[in-house]
Protein backbone atom coordinates (compact mmCIF):
# COMPACT_ATOMS: atom_id res chain seq x y z
CA UNK A 1 -9.05 -14.24 9.88
CA UNK A 2 -7.64 -11.07 8.40
CA UNK A 3 -9.52 -7.77 8.40
CA UNK A 4 -7.94 -7.07 5.01
CA UNK A 5 -9.77 -8.71 2.12
CA UNK A 6 -7.95 -10.73 -0.50
CA UNK A 7 -7.97 -9.41 -4.06
CA UNK A 8 -7.05 -11.31 -7.23
CA UNK A 9 -5.70 -10.29 -10.64
CA UNK A 10 -9.25 -10.58 -12.01
CA UNK A 11 -10.75 -8.35 -9.29
CA UNK A 12 -8.03 -5.67 -9.40
CA UNK A 13 -9.75 -3.14 -11.65
CA UNK A 14 -13.11 -3.15 -9.87
CA UNK A 15 -11.78 -3.54 -6.31
CA UNK A 16 -8.81 -1.19 -6.51
CA UNK A 17 -8.74 1.09 -9.53
CA UNK A 18 -12.46 1.92 -9.40
CA UNK A 19 -12.62 2.33 -5.61
CA UNK A 20 -14.21 5.55 -4.36
CA UNK A 21 -11.92 5.55 -1.30
CA UNK A 22 -8.12 5.23 -1.15
CA UNK A 23 -6.82 1.65 -1.21
CA UNK A 24 -3.81 0.25 0.64
CA UNK A 25 -2.66 -2.94 -1.07
CA UNK A 26 -0.34 -5.40 0.65
CA UNK A 27 1.61 -7.50 -1.86
CA UNK A 28 2.58 -10.66 0.00
CA UNK A 29 3.07 -14.44 -0.16
CA UNK A 30 2.48 -17.20 2.38
CA UNK A 31 6.17 -18.24 2.46
CA UNK A 32 7.37 -14.66 3.19
CA UNK A 33 8.14 -14.26 6.91
CA UNK A 34 8.34 -10.41 6.80
CA UNK A 35 4.96 -10.41 5.01
CA UNK A 36 3.40 -12.51 7.74
CA UNK A 37 4.98 -10.24 10.37
CA UNK A 38 3.28 -7.22 8.76
CA UNK A 39 -0.13 -8.94 8.89
CA UNK A 40 -1.21 -7.54 12.28
CA UNK A 41 -0.38 -3.98 11.16
CA UNK A 42 -2.36 -4.41 7.96
CA UNK A 43 -5.30 -5.81 9.92
CA UNK A 44 -5.13 -2.95 12.44
CA UNK A 45 -5.22 -0.35 9.64
CA UNK A 46 -8.19 -2.13 8.03
CA UNK A 47 -10.08 -2.00 11.31
CA UNK A 48 -9.06 1.53 12.26
CA UNK A 49 -9.92 3.10 8.89
CA UNK A 50 -12.98 1.05 8.00
CA UNK A 51 -15.19 3.09 5.67
CA UNK A 52 -12.43 5.62 4.90
CA UNK A 53 -9.76 3.29 3.50
CA UNK A 54 -9.98 -0.04 1.71
CA UNK A 55 -7.21 -2.42 2.81
CA UNK A 56 -6.54 -5.35 0.50
CA UNK A 57 -3.97 -8.11 0.22
CA UNK A 58 -2.82 -9.73 -3.02
CA UNK A 59 -0.92 -13.00 -2.94
CA UNK A 60 1.87 -12.51 -5.49
CA UNK A 61 2.40 -16.23 -5.92
CA UNK A 62 -1.23 -16.90 -6.90
CA UNK A 63 -1.74 -13.61 -8.79
CA UNK A 64 1.33 -12.76 -10.91
CA UNK A 65 -0.25 -10.30 -13.38
CA UNK A 66 -0.82 -7.29 -11.13
CA UNK A 67 2.61 -7.45 -9.42
CA UNK A 68 4.26 -7.68 -12.86
CA UNK A 69 2.24 -4.71 -14.13
CA UNK A 70 3.33 -2.56 -11.19
CA UNK A 71 6.95 -3.77 -11.18
CA UNK A 72 6.72 -5.42 -7.78
CA UNK A 73 10.01 -7.31 -7.37
CA UNK A 74 10.21 -7.58 -3.58
CA UNK A 75 7.68 -8.38 -0.88
CA UNK A 76 6.18 -7.14 1.24
CA UNK A 77 5.38 -4.11 -0.88
CA UNK A 78 2.59 -1.69 -0.05
CA UNK A 79 0.90 0.51 -2.63
CA UNK A 80 -1.44 3.32 -1.69
CA UNK A 81 -3.76 3.92 -4.60
CA UNK A 82 -6.08 6.88 -4.83
CA UNK A 83 -8.32 7.57 -7.81
CA UNK A 84 -6.79 4.63 -9.66
CA UNK A 85 -3.25 6.05 -9.37
CA UNK A 86 -0.36 4.95 -7.15
CA UNK A 87 0.37 7.81 -4.75
CA UNK A 88 2.87 5.99 -2.54
CA UNK A 89 4.92 2.79 -2.67
CA UNK A 90 6.70 1.29 0.34
CA UNK A 91 8.94 -1.77 0.04
CA UNK A 92 9.89 -4.07 2.91
CA UNK A 93 8.80 -4.22 6.51
CA UNK A 94 7.40 -0.95 7.80
CA UNK A 95 6.73 0.43 11.23
CA UNK A 96 3.02 0.76 12.00
CA UNK A 97 3.36 4.52 12.51
CA UNK A 98 4.98 4.91 9.07
CA UNK A 99 2.12 3.07 7.37
CA UNK A 100 -0.43 5.07 9.35
CA UNK A 101 1.22 8.39 8.49
CA UNK A 102 1.11 7.58 4.77
CA UNK A 103 -2.56 6.64 5.07
CA UNK A 104 -3.39 9.80 7.05
CA UNK A 105 -1.64 12.00 4.50
CA UNK A 106 -3.73 10.56 1.67
CA UNK A 107 -7.25 10.35 3.09
């Protein structure tokens, strides 16, 4: 079970844009091997920053509206959203320290 909650197109506004803490969103799909490889890092961030950062995953195959709205054309893609605005976008597999540094810089 992932520490990062799933979010859908329908939940996006309330779960992400209206969040009172920064949100790291993992755009992924079940068939994407690099996405699955990033899973432990995403879970670790969710656990480490509980209460300070919301960590969510959105399955791009099941929820096409949000990825289309944000121009997500490759997965995994990570968006860091603060105050309803994208403050950082990272595409492709990332090192844990790189993800953590982006989170730290935006808390």
